[in-house]
Amino acid sequence: MRFLVVFDVAYVCLLVADFSLSVVVSTFREAKAANGEALCGISAPNKTLNDIPVRVQCVSSCPGCASPCLAVNYWKNTKLCQLFYYAPVKGVRQDCVVYEVTNLIY
């Protein structure tokens, strides 16, 4: 009898987990100043990735994070990718572009 109770509890937990599945769709928008200049996140990033050859690879690394990404910096010349789990302070920096992230959960 004890085995059945444990099995029933495990089965209910699996059903709850199955019904709680959701899909997160992330969109990325380049942040620009009022004059059209590209902005960069100037706060300290939560995570930094090196040797990222193209910005698409940088932005695509964001959804794989444990915490939801809210912004991504990409440094073109140094191939550096910085992930922010909060909205960073933005400013103009040479060779850097920040992408603001919108996460929609379905």
C-alpha atoms as a PDB file:
ATOM      1  CA  MET A   1       0.000   0.000   0.000  1.00  0.00           C
ATOM      2  CA  ARG A   2       2.820   2.412   0.801  1.00  0.00           C
ATOM      3  CA  PHE A   3       4.267   1.898  -2.701  1.00  0.00           C
ATOM      4  CA  LEU A   4       0.958   2.875  -4.309  1.00  0.00           C
ATOM      5  CA  VAL A   5       0.791   6.127  -2.365  1.00  0.00           C
ATOM      6  CA  VAL A   6       4.311   7.093  -3.459  1.00  0.00           C
ATOM      7  CA  PHE A   7       3.502   6.140  -7.047  1.00  0.00           C
ATOM      8  CA  ASP A   8       0.270   8.163  -7.021  1.00  0.00           C
ATOM      9  CA  VAL A   9       2.059  11.233  -5.673  1.00  0.00           C
ATOM     10  CA  ALA A  10       4.762  10.911  -8.352  1.00  0.00           C
ATOM     11  CA  TYR A  11       2.111  10.558 -11.052  1.00  0.00           C
ATOM     12  CA  VAL A  12       0.303  13.716  -9.921  1.00  0.00           C
ATOM     13  CA  CYS A  13       3.589  15.651  -9.922  1.00  0.00           C
ATOM     14  CA  LEU A  14       4.284  14.546 -13.475  1.00  0.00           C
ATOM     15  CA  LEU A  15       0.860  15.696 -14.602  1.00  0.00           C
ATOM     16  CA  VAL A  16       1.333  19.092 -12.982  1.00  0.00           C
ATOM     17  CA  ALA A  17       4.737  19.483 -14.617  1.00  0.00           C
ATOM     18  CA  ASP A  18       3.294  18.445 -17.972  1.00  0.00           C
ATOM     19  CA  PHE A  19       0.506  21.035 -17.835  1.00  0.00           C
ATOM     20  CA  SER A  20       2.869  23.833 -16.778  1.00  0.00           C
ATOM     21  CA  LEU A  21       4.976  23.721 -19.952  1.00  0.00           C
ATOM     22  CA  SER A  22       5.225  27.097 -21.645  1.00  0.00           C
ATOM     23  CA  VAL A  23       6.947  28.615 -24.635  1.00  0.00           C
ATOM     24  CA  VAL A  24       9.051  31.759 -24.348  1.00  0.00           C
ATOM     25  CA  VAL A  25       9.454  33.873 -27.483  1.00  0.00           C
ATOM     26  CA  SER A  26      12.216  36.479 -27.308  1.00  0.00           C
ATOM     27  CA  THR A  27      12.437  39.490 -29.594  1.00  0.00           C
ATOM     28  CA  PHE A  28      15.498  41.727 -29.859  1.00  0.00           C
ATOM     29  CA  ARG A  29      15.492  45.436 -30.740  1.00  0.00           C
ATOM     30  CA  GLU A  30      18.595  47.560 -31.242  1.00  0.00           C
ATOM     31  CA  ALA A  31      18.570  50.507 -28.821  1.00  0.00           C
ATOM     32  CA  LYS A  32      19.291  53.909 -30.365  1.00  0.00           C
ATOM     33  CA  ALA A  33      19.610  57.434 -29.014  1.00  0.00           C
ATOM     34  CA  ALA A  34      17.214  60.163 -30.146  1.00  0.00           C
ATOM     35  CA  ASN A  35      19.787  61.242 -32.766  1.00  0.00           C
ATOM     36  CA  GLY A  36      19.989  57.692 -34.171  1.00  0.00           C
ATOM     37  CA  GLU A  37      23.326  56.713 -32.633  1.00  0.00           C
ATOM     38  CA  ALA A  38      23.619  53.112 -31.450  1.00  0.00           C
ATOM     39  CA  LEU A  39      23.601  52.726 -27.672  1.00  0.00           C
ATOM     40  CA  CYS A  40      25.525  50.290 -25.494  1.00  0.00           C
ATOM     41  CA  GLY A  41      24.790  48.880 -22.032  1.00  0.00           C
ATOM     42  CA  ILE A  42      27.364  50.509 -19.744  1.00  0.00           C
ATOM     43  CA  SER A  43      26.403  48.720 -16.515  1.00  0.00           C
ATOM     44  CA  ALA A  44      28.227  45.581 -15.366  1.00  0.00           C
ATOM     45  CA  PRO A  45      26.968  42.515 -17.290  1.00  0.00           C
ATOM     46  CA  ASN A  46      25.806  39.331 -15.578  1.00  0.00           C
ATOM     47  CA  LYS A  47      27.599  37.086 -18.056  1.00  0.00           C
ATOM     48  CA  THR A  48      30.297  37.626 -20.702  1.00  0.00           C
ATOM     49  CA  LEU A  49      31.007  35.344 -23.657  1.00  0.00           C
ATOM     50  CA  ASN A  50      34.266  35.565 -25.646  1.00  0.00           C
ATOM     51  CA  ASP A  51      35.047  34.816 -29.301  1.00  0.00           C
ATOM     52  CA  ILE A  52      31.524  35.285 -30.629  1.00  0.00           C
ATOM     53  CA  PRO A  53      32.077  35.850 -34.371  1.00  0.00           C
ATOM     54  CA  VAL A  54      28.677  37.325 -35.310  1.00  0.00           C
ATOM     55  CA  ARG A  55      25.998  39.229 -33.418  1.00  0.00           C
ATOM     56  CA  VAL A  56      23.336  36.646 -34.301  1.00  0.00           C
ATOM     57  CA  GLN A  57      25.235  34.059 -32.272  1.00  0.00           C
ATOM     58  CA  CYS A  58      25.462  36.522 -29.376  1.00  0.00           C
ATOM     59  CA  VAL A  59      21.746  37.227 -29.347  1.00  0.00           C
ATOM     60  CA  SER A  60      20.834  33.564 -29.779  1.00  0.00           C
ATOM     61  CA  SER A  61      22.807  32.667 -26.629  1.00  0.00           C
ATOM     62  CA  CYS A  62      20.403  34.746 -24.536  1.00  0.00           C
ATOM     63  CA  PRO A  63      17.357  32.399 -24.468  1.00  0.00           C
ATOM     64  CA  GLY A  64      19.545  29.566 -23.157  1.00  0.00           C
ATOM     65  CA  CYS A  65      20.255  31.427 -19.909  1.00  0.00           C
ATOM     66  CA  ALA A  66      18.865  30.359 -16.565  1.00  0.00           C
ATOM     67  CA  SER A  67      17.544  33.860 -15.872  1.00  0.00           C
ATOM     68  CA  PRO A  68      15.604  35.817 -18.455  1.00  0.00           C
ATOM     69  CA  CYS A  69      17.854  38.109 -20.452  1.00  0.00           C
ATOM     70  CA  LEU A  70      16.707  41.742 -20.686  1.00  0.00           C
ATOM     71  CA  ALA A  71      19.566  43.142 -22.790  1.00  0.00           C
ATOM     72  CA  VAL A  72      22.562  41.974 -24.834  1.00  0.00           C
ATOM     73  CA  ASN A  73      25.707  43.951 -25.757  1.00  0.00           C
ATOM     74  CA  TYR A  74      27.698  42.947 -28.822  1.00  0.00           C
ATOM     75  CA  TRP A  75      31.193  44.380 -29.322  1.00  0.00           C
ATOM     76  CA  LYS A  76      32.070  44.031 -33.042  1.00  0.00           C
ATOM     77  CA  ASN A  77      35.878  44.354 -33.008  1.00  0.00           C
ATOM     78  CA  THR A  78      36.579  42.312 -29.876  1.00  0.00           C
ATOM     79  CA  LYS A  79      33.828  39.721 -30.611  1.00  0.00           C
ATOM     80  CA  LEU A  80      32.574  40.057 -27.030  1.00  0.00           C
ATOM     81  CA  CYS A  81      29.003  39.270 -25.993  1.00  0.00           C
ATOM     82  CA  GLN A  82      27.593  40.575 -22.698  1.00  0.00           C
ATOM     83  CA  LEU A  83      24.292  39.369 -21.235  1.00  0.00           C
ATOM     84  CA  PHE A  84      22.218  41.406 -18.776  1.00  0.00           C
ATOM     85  CA  TYR A  85      19.501  39.931 -16.550  1.00  0.00           C
ATOM     86  CA  TYR A  86      18.336  43.471 -15.756  1.00  0.00           C
ATOM     87  CA  ALA A  87      17.858  46.662 -17.815  1.00  0.00           C
ATOM     88  CA  PRO A  88      21.325  48.271 -17.937  1.00  0.00           C
ATOM     89  CA  VAL A  89      22.126  51.959 -18.041  1.00  0.00           C
ATOM     90  CA  LYS A  90      22.783  52.832 -21.679  1.00  0.00           C
ATOM     91  CA  GLY A  91      25.269  55.198 -23.267  1.00  0.00           C
ATOM     92  CA  VAL A  92      27.104  55.740 -26.559  1.00  0.00           C
ATOM     93  CA  ARG A  93      30.232  53.579 -26.968  1.00  0.00           C
ATOM     94  CA  GLN A  94      32.276  52.960 -30.098  1.00  0.00           C
ATOM     95  CA  ASP A  95      31.994  49.471 -31.581  1.00  0.00           C
ATOM     96  CA  CYS A  96      29.145  48.366 -29.278  1.00  0.00           C
ATOM     97  CA  VAL A  97      25.454  47.750 -29.845  1.00  0.00           C
ATOM     98  CA  VAL A  98      22.901  46.863 -27.167  1.00  0.00           C
ATOM     99  CA  TYR A  99      19.792  44.867 -27.995  1.00  0.00           C
ATOM    100  CA  GLU A 100      16.791  45.176 -25.686  1.00  0.00           C
ATOM    101  CA  VAL A 101      14.999  41.881 -25.157  1.00  0.00           C
ATOM    102  CA  THR A 102      11.252  41.353 -24.869  1.00  0.00           C
ATOM    103  CA  ASN A 103      10.214  37.924 -23.577  1.00  0.00           C
ATOM    104  CA  LEU A 104       6.669  36.770 -24.309  1.00  0.00           C
ATOM    105  CA  ILE A 105       5.463  33.661 -22.475  1.00  0.00           C
ATOM    106  CA  TYR A 106       2.758  31.530 -24.081  1.00  0.00           C
END
